Amino acid sequence: MNITIKNMKTIEETKGKAYVHWKAWHEAYTGIVSQEYLDALTLEKCEDIAFQWPDNLLVAKNNEQVIGFAGFGKYRNDELENTGEIFAIYILEQYYGKGVGYKLMHEALDHLSTYSKVAVWVLKDNKRAISFYEKCGFKCDGREETIELVSPITEIRMVLSNDS
């Protein structure tokens, strides 16, 4: 494996990010998110999203194939001061346990190093992701939100302090 992390720049990388988005949701969220929602999440919808949101995205590549991505930026609202956010971090299931997620996370955290904290929202039933974030130093802060993905589902906020 020859894993590299870089800022997403090319059309091919954007299409690769879209594929990972689509495939990773189907791999990670089957049995967690409504199947009706997953069935409606098509590769075409993920491509539309990828081309509409090209900024602050990192891609992980194995040679020339995009195998993961991370999106990051300023926290989505003013609820937390001086806080960055990891909006998304996904990798293809076949690369689980190979350090790709950690490489993406560390690179995204480098981009967010000017913030005193970094937050991430994660589905409460996604135990694998919660464990990953905990290993990266994130801790649940007690904040929960219910979102509608055809049916209601709870997500929790986890926060990493850059001061520690």
N, C-alpha and C. Protein backbone atom coordinates (compact mmCIF):
# COMPACT_ATOMS: atom_id res chain seq x y z
N MET A 1 0.83 -1.19 0.00
CA MET A 1 0.00 0.00 0.00
C MET A 1 0.87 1.25 0.00
N ASN A 2 0.45 2.22 -0.80
CA ASN A 2 1.13 3.50 -0.86
C ASN A 2 0.11 4.59 -0.57
N ILE A 3 -0.14 4.87 0.72
CA ILE A 3 -1.18 5.79 1.14
C ILE A 3 -0.64 7.22 1.22
N THR A 4 -1.31 8.14 0.54
CA THR A 4 -0.97 9.56 0.63
C THR A 4 -2.23 10.33 1.01
N ILE A 5 -2.04 11.44 1.70
CA ILE A 5 -3.13 12.34 2.07
C ILE A 5 -2.84 13.68 1.41
N LYS A 6 -3.83 14.24 0.73
CA LYS A 6 -3.63 15.51 0.05
C LYS A 6 -4.93 16.28 -0.03
N ASN A 7 -4.83 17.58 -0.29
CA ASN A 7 -6.02 18.38 -0.52
C ASN A 7 -6.68 17.94 -1.81
N MET A 8 -8.00 17.81 -1.79
CA MET A 8 -8.74 17.41 -2.99
C MET A 8 -8.67 18.54 -4.01
N LYS A 9 -8.24 18.23 -5.23
CA LYS A 9 -8.07 19.27 -6.25
C LYS A 9 -8.66 18.90 -7.61
N THR A 10 -8.54 17.68 -8.03
CA THR A 10 -8.89 17.33 -9.41
C THR A 10 -10.33 16.80 -9.51
N ILE A 11 -10.83 16.79 -10.71
CA ILE A 11 -12.16 16.21 -10.98
C ILE A 11 -12.16 14.73 -10.61
N GLU A 12 -11.08 14.03 -10.93
CA GLU A 12 -11.00 12.60 -10.61
C GLU A 12 -11.05 12.38 -9.09
N GLU A 13 -10.35 13.25 -8.34
CA GLU A 13 -10.37 13.14 -6.88
C GLU A 13 -11.76 13.46 -6.32
N THR A 14 -12.44 14.43 -6.92
CA THR A 14 -13.79 14.78 -6.48
C THR A 14 -14.74 13.62 -6.74
N LYS A 15 -14.63 12.99 -7.90
CA LYS A 15 -15.46 11.82 -8.19
C LYS A 15 -15.11 10.65 -7.27
N GLY A 16 -13.82 10.50 -6.96
CA GLY A 16 -13.40 9.45 -6.02
C GLY A 16 -13.94 9.69 -4.63
N LYS A 17 -13.93 10.96 -4.20
CA LYS A 17 -14.51 11.33 -2.89
C LYS A 17 -15.99 10.98 -2.87
N ALA A 18 -16.70 11.28 -3.96
CA ALA A 18 -18.13 10.98 -4.05
C ALA A 18 -18.38 9.48 -3.93
N TYR A 19 -17.55 8.69 -4.61
CA TYR A 19 -17.71 7.23 -4.53
C TYR A 19 -17.49 6.75 -3.10
N VAL A 20 -16.46 7.25 -2.43
CA VAL A 20 -16.19 6.84 -1.05
C VAL A 20 -17.35 7.25 -0.15
N HIS A 21 -17.87 8.45 -0.34
CA HIS A 21 -19.01 8.92 0.44
C HIS A 21 -20.18 7.93 0.30
N TRP A 22 -20.53 7.62 -0.93
CA TRP A 22 -21.64 6.71 -1.22
C TRP A 22 -21.37 5.31 -0.65
N LYS A 23 -20.23 4.75 -0.98
CA LYS A 23 -19.91 3.38 -0.58
C LYS A 23 -19.77 3.25 0.93
N ALA A 24 -19.08 4.22 1.56
CA ALA A 24 -18.86 4.16 3.01
C ALA A 24 -20.17 4.26 3.78
N TRP A 25 -21.10 5.09 3.32
CA TRP A 25 -22.40 5.16 4.00
C TRP A 25 -23.09 3.81 3.95
N HIS A 26 -23.05 3.15 2.81
CA HIS A 26 -23.70 1.85 2.68
C HIS A 26 -22.98 0.78 3.49
N GLU A 27 -21.68 0.88 3.61
CA GLU A 27 -20.91 -0.10 4.40
C GLU A 27 -21.06 0.14 5.89
N ALA A 28 -20.96 1.39 6.33
CA ALA A 28 -20.91 1.69 7.76
C ALA A 28 -22.29 1.82 8.40
N TYR A 29 -23.29 2.23 7.65
CA TYR A 29 -24.56 2.59 8.26
C TYR A 29 -25.70 1.61 8.02
N THR A 30 -25.46 0.52 7.28
CA THR A 30 -26.51 -0.47 7.12
C THR A 30 -26.82 -1.05 8.50
N GLY A 31 -28.10 -1.03 8.86
CA GLY A 31 -28.52 -1.50 10.18
C GLY A 31 -28.53 -0.40 11.24
N ILE A 32 -27.97 0.78 10.90
CA ILE A 32 -27.97 1.93 11.82
C ILE A 32 -28.91 3.00 11.29
N VAL A 33 -28.79 3.31 10.01
CA VAL A 33 -29.60 4.32 9.35
C VAL A 33 -30.70 3.60 8.56
N SER A 34 -31.85 4.23 8.46
CA SER A 34 -32.97 3.69 7.71
C SER A 34 -32.52 3.20 6.32
N GLN A 35 -32.92 1.98 5.96
CA GLN A 35 -32.57 1.43 4.65
C GLN A 35 -33.17 2.29 3.54
N GLU A 36 -34.33 2.86 3.80
CA GLU A 36 -34.97 3.74 2.80
C GLU A 36 -34.07 4.95 2.51
N TYR A 37 -33.46 5.51 3.55
CA TYR A 37 -32.54 6.63 3.37
C TYR A 37 -31.32 6.18 2.56
N LEU A 38 -30.75 5.05 2.94
CA LEU A 38 -29.56 4.54 2.23
C LEU A 38 -29.88 4.25 0.76
N ASP A 39 -31.05 3.67 0.51
CA ASP A 39 -31.44 3.38 -0.87
C ASP A 39 -31.55 4.66 -1.69
N ALA A 40 -31.98 5.75 -1.05
CA ALA A 40 -32.13 7.03 -1.76
C ALA A 40 -30.80 7.76 -1.92
N LEU A 41 -29.79 7.36 -1.16
CA LEU A 41 -28.47 7.99 -1.26
C LEU A 41 -27.71 7.34 -2.41
N THR A 42 -27.82 7.95 -3.57
CA THR A 42 -27.21 7.38 -4.77
C THR A 42 -25.82 7.97 -5.00
N LEU A 43 -25.07 7.32 -5.84
CA LEU A 43 -23.76 7.82 -6.23
C LEU A 43 -23.90 9.20 -6.88
N GLU A 44 -24.94 9.39 -7.68
CA GLU A 44 -25.17 10.68 -8.33
C GLU A 44 -25.39 11.78 -7.30
N LYS A 45 -26.16 11.51 -6.24
CA LYS A 45 -26.36 12.51 -5.18
C LYS A 45 -25.04 12.84 -4.50
N CYS A 46 -24.22 11.82 -4.26
CA CYS A 46 -22.93 12.06 -3.63
C CYS A 46 -22.00 12.86 -4.54
N GLU A 47 -22.11 12.65 -5.85
CA GLU A 47 -21.31 13.46 -6.78
C GLU A 47 -21.78 14.91 -6.75
N ASP A 48 -23.09 15.14 -6.71
CA ASP A 48 -23.60 16.51 -6.61
C ASP A 48 -23.04 17.19 -5.36
N ILE A 49 -23.07 16.50 -4.24
CA ILE A 49 -22.55 17.05 -2.98
C ILE A 49 -21.06 17.36 -3.12
N ALA A 50 -20.32 16.42 -3.70
CA ALA A 50 -18.86 16.59 -3.82
C ALA A 50 -18.50 17.81 -4.66
N PHE A 51 -19.23 18.04 -5.72
CA PHE A 51 -18.92 19.19 -6.59
C PHE A 51 -19.43 20.51 -6.01
N GLN A 52 -20.44 20.45 -5.13
CA GLN A 52 -20.95 21.66 -4.48
C GLN A 52 -20.08 22.07 -3.30
N TRP A 53 -19.36 21.13 -2.71
CA TRP A 53 -18.58 21.40 -1.50
C TRP A 53 -17.14 20.93 -1.71
N PRO A 54 -16.36 21.66 -2.52
CA PRO A 54 -15.01 21.21 -2.84
C PRO A 54 -13.93 21.70 -1.86
N ASP A 55 -14.29 22.58 -0.92
CA ASP A 55 -13.28 23.20 -0.06
C ASP A 55 -13.07 22.42 1.23
N ASN A 56 -11.88 22.60 1.80
CA ASN A 56 -11.52 21.98 3.08
C ASN A 56 -11.75 20.47 3.08
N LEU A 57 -11.33 19.86 2.00
CA LEU A 57 -11.45 18.40 1.88
C LEU A 57 -10.08 17.79 1.61
N LEU A 58 -9.83 16.74 2.36
CA LEU A 58 -8.62 15.94 2.17
C LEU A 58 -9.03 14.60 1.59
N VAL A 59 -8.22 14.07 0.71
CA VAL A 59 -8.46 12.72 0.22
C VAL A 59 -7.28 11.84 0.58
N ALA A 60 -7.61 10.61 0.92
CA ALA A 60 -6.59 9.58 1.12
C ALA A 60 -6.58 8.73 -0.14
N LYS A 61 -5.38 8.52 -0.66
CA LYS A 61 -5.26 7.75 -1.90
C LYS A 61 -4.30 6.58 -1.69
N ASN A 62 -4.66 5.47 -2.28
CA ASN A 62 -3.75 4.33 -2.38
C ASN A 62 -3.33 4.31 -3.84
N ASN A 63 -2.10 4.71 -4.09
CA ASN A 63 -1.64 4.99 -5.44
C ASN A 63 -2.55 6.09 -6.01
N GLU A 64 -3.33 5.82 -7.04
CA GLU A 64 -4.19 6.85 -7.62
C GLU A 64 -5.65 6.73 -7.22
N GLN A 65 -6.01 5.68 -6.46
CA GLN A 65 -7.41 5.47 -6.08
C GLN A 65 -7.74 6.20 -4.78
N VAL A 66 -8.81 7.00 -4.80
CA VAL A 66 -9.29 7.63 -3.57
C VAL A 66 -9.95 6.56 -2.72
N ILE A 67 -9.48 6.43 -1.47
CA ILE A 67 -9.98 5.39 -0.57
C ILE A 67 -10.60 5.98 0.70
N GLY A 68 -10.50 7.29 0.86
CA GLY A 68 -11.07 7.94 2.03
C GLY A 68 -11.04 9.44 1.88
N PHE A 69 -11.75 10.12 2.76
CA PHE A 69 -11.72 11.58 2.76
C PHE A 69 -12.09 12.12 4.12
N ALA A 70 -11.73 13.37 4.34
CA ALA A 70 -12.12 14.10 5.55
C ALA A 70 -12.48 15.52 5.15
N GLY A 71 -13.56 16.03 5.74
CA GLY A 71 -13.97 17.42 5.55
C GLY A 71 -13.89 18.13 6.89
N PHE A 72 -13.45 19.37 6.88
CA PHE A 72 -13.21 20.09 8.14
C PHE A 72 -13.43 21.58 7.94
N GLY A 73 -13.54 22.30 9.06
CA GLY A 73 -13.67 23.75 9.00
C GLY A 73 -14.05 24.31 10.35
N LYS A 74 -14.53 25.56 10.35
CA LYS A 74 -14.99 26.21 11.57
C LYS A 74 -16.28 25.52 12.02
N TYR A 75 -16.47 25.42 13.34
CA TYR A 75 -17.68 24.78 13.88
C TYR A 75 -18.91 25.43 13.28
N ARG A 76 -19.93 24.65 13.01
CA ARG A 76 -21.09 25.06 12.22
C ARG A 76 -21.94 26.20 12.78
N ASN A 77 -21.82 26.49 14.07
CA ASN A 77 -22.58 27.61 14.63
C ASN A 77 -21.78 28.24 15.77
N ASP A 78 -22.40 29.14 16.51
CA ASP A 78 -21.69 29.86 17.57
C ASP A 78 -21.83 29.21 18.94
N GLU A 79 -22.37 28.01 18.98
CA GLU A 79 -22.58 27.32 20.26
C GLU A 79 -21.27 27.09 21.01
N LEU A 80 -20.22 26.77 20.28
CA LEU A 80 -18.89 26.58 20.87
C LEU A 80 -17.95 27.64 20.32
N GLU A 81 -17.26 28.32 21.22
CA GLU A 81 -16.32 29.36 20.79
C GLU A 81 -14.97 28.75 20.40
N ASN A 82 -14.32 29.38 19.44
CA ASN A 82 -12.97 29.00 19.00
C ASN A 82 -12.85 27.49 18.78
N THR A 83 -13.81 26.96 18.02
CA THR A 83 -13.88 25.51 17.80
C THR A 83 -13.90 25.19 16.31
N GLY A 84 -13.10 24.22 15.93
CA GLY A 84 -13.14 23.67 14.58
C GLY A 84 -14.04 22.45 14.58
N GLU A 85 -14.27 21.91 13.39
CA GLU A 85 -15.12 20.72 13.31
C GLU A 85 -14.64 19.80 12.21
N ILE A 86 -14.69 18.52 12.51
CA ILE A 86 -14.52 17.49 11.49
C ILE A 86 -15.95 17.19 11.03
N PHE A 87 -16.28 17.60 9.81
CA PHE A 87 -17.64 17.43 9.30
C PHE A 87 -17.87 16.00 8.82
N ALA A 88 -16.84 15.38 8.31
CA ALA A 88 -16.96 14.03 7.75
C ALA A 88 -15.59 13.39 7.71
N ILE A 89 -15.55 12.11 7.99
CA ILE A 89 -14.34 11.33 7.77
C ILE A 89 -14.80 9.91 7.45
N TYR A 90 -14.51 9.48 6.23
CA TYR A 90 -14.95 8.17 5.77
C TYR A 90 -13.81 7.48 5.02
N ILE A 91 -13.75 6.19 5.18
CA ILE A 91 -12.83 5.37 4.39
C ILE A 91 -13.57 4.13 3.93
N LEU A 92 -13.09 3.54 2.86
CA LEU A 92 -13.68 2.30 2.38
C LEU A 92 -13.41 1.19 3.39
N GLU A 93 -14.39 0.34 3.58
CA GLU A 93 -14.32 -0.73 4.58
C GLU A 93 -13.07 -1.61 4.43
N GLN A 94 -12.66 -1.87 3.21
CA GLN A 94 -11.49 -2.75 3.01
C GLN A 94 -10.21 -2.13 3.57
N TYR A 95 -10.23 -0.83 3.91
CA TYR A 95 -9.06 -0.17 4.47
C TYR A 95 -9.18 0.08 5.97
N TYR A 96 -10.25 -0.43 6.59
CA TYR A 96 -10.39 -0.33 8.05
C TYR A 96 -9.18 -1.00 8.71
N GLY A 97 -8.72 -0.41 9.79
CA GLY A 97 -7.64 -1.01 10.57
C GLY A 97 -6.25 -0.88 9.95
N LYS A 98 -6.12 -0.09 8.90
CA LYS A 98 -4.82 0.06 8.22
C LYS A 98 -4.20 1.44 8.44
N GLY A 99 -4.78 2.22 9.35
CA GLY A 99 -4.20 3.52 9.69
C GLY A 99 -4.63 4.68 8.80
N VAL A 100 -5.49 4.43 7.82
CA VAL A 100 -5.91 5.47 6.89
C VAL A 100 -6.73 6.54 7.62
N GLY A 101 -7.66 6.11 8.46
CA GLY A 101 -8.48 7.05 9.22
C GLY A 101 -7.63 7.94 10.12
N TYR A 102 -6.62 7.36 10.76
CA TYR A 102 -5.73 8.14 11.63
C TYR A 102 -4.93 9.17 10.83
N LYS A 103 -4.47 8.77 9.65
CA LYS A 103 -3.72 9.71 8.82
C LYS A 103 -4.61 10.88 8.40
N LEU A 104 -5.84 10.57 7.99
CA LEU A 104 -6.78 11.64 7.62
C LEU A 104 -7.07 12.54 8.82
N MET A 105 -7.34 11.93 9.97
CA MET A 105 -7.66 12.69 11.17
C MET A 105 -6.51 13.62 11.55
N HIS A 106 -5.30 13.11 11.58
CA HIS A 106 -4.16 13.93 11.99
C HIS A 106 -3.92 15.08 11.02
N GLU A 107 -4.09 14.83 9.74
CA GLU A 107 -3.93 15.90 8.76
C GLU A 107 -5.03 16.95 8.93
N ALA A 108 -6.27 16.52 9.12
CA ALA A 108 -7.37 17.47 9.34
C ALA A 108 -7.14 18.27 10.63
N LEU A 109 -6.69 17.60 11.69
CA LEU A 109 -6.41 18.30 12.95
C LEU A 109 -5.29 19.32 12.79
N ASP A 110 -4.31 19.01 11.95
CA ASP A 110 -3.25 19.99 11.66
C ASP A 110 -3.85 21.26 11.05
N HIS A 111 -4.81 21.09 10.15
CA HIS A 111 -5.47 22.24 9.52
C HIS A 111 -6.31 23.03 10.53
N LEU A 112 -6.74 22.37 11.61
CA LEU A 112 -7.60 23.01 12.61
C LEU A 112 -6.83 23.40 13.87
N SER A 113 -5.52 23.40 13.80
CA SER A 113 -4.69 23.59 15.00
C SER A 113 -4.81 24.98 15.63
N THR A 114 -5.35 25.95 14.90
CA THR A 114 -5.51 27.29 15.48
C THR A 114 -6.72 27.37 16.42
N TYR A 115 -7.58 26.37 16.38
CA TYR A 115 -8.74 26.35 17.27
C TYR A 115 -8.37 25.69 18.60
N SER A 116 -8.99 26.15 19.68
CA SER A 116 -8.70 25.56 20.99
C SER A 116 -9.37 24.20 21.15
N LYS A 117 -10.44 23.96 20.39
CA LYS A 117 -11.15 22.68 20.45
C LYS A 117 -11.56 22.28 19.04
N VAL A 118 -11.80 20.97 18.89
CA VAL A 118 -12.34 20.44 17.64
C VAL A 118 -13.49 19.51 18.01
N ALA A 119 -14.61 19.66 17.32
CA ALA A 119 -15.79 18.83 17.59
C ALA A 119 -16.09 17.94 16.40
N VAL A 120 -16.80 16.86 16.68
CA VAL A 120 -17.29 15.96 15.65
C VAL A 120 -18.64 15.44 16.12
N TRP A 121 -19.57 15.31 15.20
CA TRP A 121 -20.86 14.70 15.50
C TRP A 121 -20.83 13.28 14.94
N VAL A 122 -21.34 12.33 15.71
CA VAL A 122 -21.30 10.92 15.32
C VAL A 122 -22.61 10.27 15.71
N LEU A 123 -23.10 9.37 14.87
CA LEU A 123 -24.32 8.66 15.21
C LEU A 123 -24.10 7.83 16.48
N LYS A 124 -25.03 7.95 17.41
CA LYS A 124 -24.91 7.33 18.73
C LYS A 124 -24.73 5.81 18.64
N ASP A 125 -25.32 5.20 17.61
CA ASP A 125 -25.22 3.74 17.45
C ASP A 125 -24.00 3.30 16.65
N ASN A 126 -23.17 4.23 16.21
CA ASN A 126 -21.99 3.89 15.42
C ASN A 126 -20.81 3.66 16.36
N LYS A 127 -20.81 2.51 17.00
CA LYS A 127 -19.81 2.19 18.04
C LYS A 127 -18.38 2.19 17.48
N ARG A 128 -18.23 1.73 16.26
CA ARG A 128 -16.89 1.70 15.65
C ARG A 128 -16.32 3.11 15.53
N ALA A 129 -17.13 4.05 15.04
CA ALA A 129 -16.66 5.43 14.88
C ALA A 129 -16.39 6.08 16.24
N ILE A 130 -17.27 5.84 17.21
CA ILE A 130 -17.07 6.40 18.54
C ILE A 130 -15.75 5.92 19.12
N SER A 131 -15.46 4.65 18.97
CA SER A 131 -14.20 4.09 19.46
C SER A 131 -13.01 4.74 18.75
N PHE A 132 -13.12 4.95 17.44
CA PHE A 132 -12.05 5.61 16.67
C PHE A 132 -11.81 7.02 17.21
N TYR A 133 -12.89 7.78 17.39
CA TYR A 133 -12.74 9.15 17.88
C TYR A 133 -12.14 9.17 19.29
N GLU A 134 -12.54 8.24 20.13
CA GLU A 134 -11.97 8.16 21.48
C GLU A 134 -10.47 7.90 21.41
N LYS A 135 -10.05 7.01 20.51
CA LYS A 135 -8.62 6.72 20.36
C LYS A 135 -7.86 7.95 19.85
N CYS A 136 -8.57 8.86 19.17
CA CYS A 136 -7.96 10.11 18.69
C CYS A 136 -7.99 11.20 19.75
N GLY A 137 -8.57 10.90 20.92
CA GLY A 137 -8.59 11.86 22.02
C GLY A 137 -9.90 12.61 22.22
N PHE A 138 -10.90 12.34 21.39
CA PHE A 138 -12.20 13.00 21.54
C PHE A 138 -12.97 12.38 22.72
N LYS A 139 -13.78 13.23 23.38
CA LYS A 139 -14.61 12.77 24.49
C LYS A 139 -16.04 13.28 24.27
N CYS A 140 -17.02 12.46 24.61
CA CYS A 140 -18.42 12.89 24.55
C CYS A 140 -18.61 14.03 25.54
N ASP A 141 -19.31 15.09 25.08
CA ASP A 141 -19.54 16.21 25.99
C ASP A 141 -20.98 16.27 26.48
N GLY A 142 -21.77 15.23 26.18
CA GLY A 142 -23.14 15.16 26.67
C GLY A 142 -24.17 15.77 25.73
N ARG A 143 -23.74 16.44 24.69
CA ARG A 143 -24.67 17.08 23.74
C ARG A 143 -25.17 16.04 22.75
N GLU A 144 -26.48 15.97 22.59
CA GLU A 144 -27.11 15.05 21.64
C GLU A 144 -28.09 15.83 20.78
N GLU A 145 -28.31 15.33 19.58
CA GLU A 145 -29.30 15.90 18.67
C GLU A 145 -29.99 14.77 17.94
N THR A 146 -31.27 14.95 17.68
CA THR A 146 -32.00 13.99 16.87
C THR A 146 -32.13 14.58 15.48
N ILE A 147 -31.74 13.81 14.49
CA ILE A 147 -31.85 14.24 13.10
C ILE A 147 -32.78 13.28 12.37
N GLU A 148 -33.32 13.73 11.26
CA GLU A 148 -34.23 12.90 10.47
C GLU A 148 -33.49 12.37 9.24
N LEU A 149 -33.32 11.08 9.20
CA LEU A 149 -32.79 10.40 8.01
C LEU A 149 -33.86 9.37 7.63
N VAL A 150 -35.00 9.86 7.18
CA VAL A 150 -36.26 9.16 6.96
C VAL A 150 -36.93 8.87 8.30
N SER A 151 -36.16 8.34 9.24
CA SER A 151 -36.66 8.15 10.60
C SER A 151 -35.69 8.86 11.55
N PRO A 152 -36.15 9.17 12.76
CA PRO A 152 -35.27 9.89 13.69
C PRO A 152 -34.09 9.03 14.14
N ILE A 153 -32.94 9.68 14.25
CA ILE A 153 -31.73 8.99 14.72
C ILE A 153 -30.94 10.00 15.55
N THR A 154 -30.29 9.49 16.59
CA THR A 154 -29.57 10.38 17.51
C THR A 154 -28.10 10.42 17.16
N GLU A 155 -27.56 11.64 17.17
CA GLU A 155 -26.12 11.81 17.04
C GLU A 155 -25.62 12.51 18.29
N ILE A 156 -24.36 12.22 18.62
CA ILE A 156 -23.74 12.80 19.81
C ILE A 156 -22.54 13.62 19.38
N ARG A 157 -22.23 14.61 20.21
CA ARG A 157 -21.06 15.44 19.92
C ARG A 157 -19.89 14.98 20.77
N MET A 158 -18.73 14.90 20.13
CA MET A 158 -17.49 14.57 20.82
C MET A 158 -16.53 15.73 20.57
N VAL A 159 -15.74 16.06 21.59
CA VAL A 159 -14.87 17.22 21.51
C VAL A 159 -13.44 16.83 21.91
N LEU A 160 -12.49 17.40 21.20
CA LEU A 160 -11.07 17.25 21.47
C LEU A 160 -10.54 18.62 21.85
N SER A 161 -9.84 18.71 22.96
CA SER A 161 -9.24 19.98 23.36
C SER A 161 -7.81 20.02 22.86
N ASN A 162 -7.48 21.06 22.10
CA ASN A 162 -6.12 21.22 21.59
C ASN A 162 -5.18 21.78 22.65
N ASP A 163 -5.74 22.17 23.81
CA ASP A 163 -4.94 22.74 24.88
C ASP A 163 -4.22 21.68 25.71
N SER A 164 -4.73 20.45 25.64
CA SER A 164 -4.15 19.41 26.50
C SER A 164 -2.95 18.75 25.90
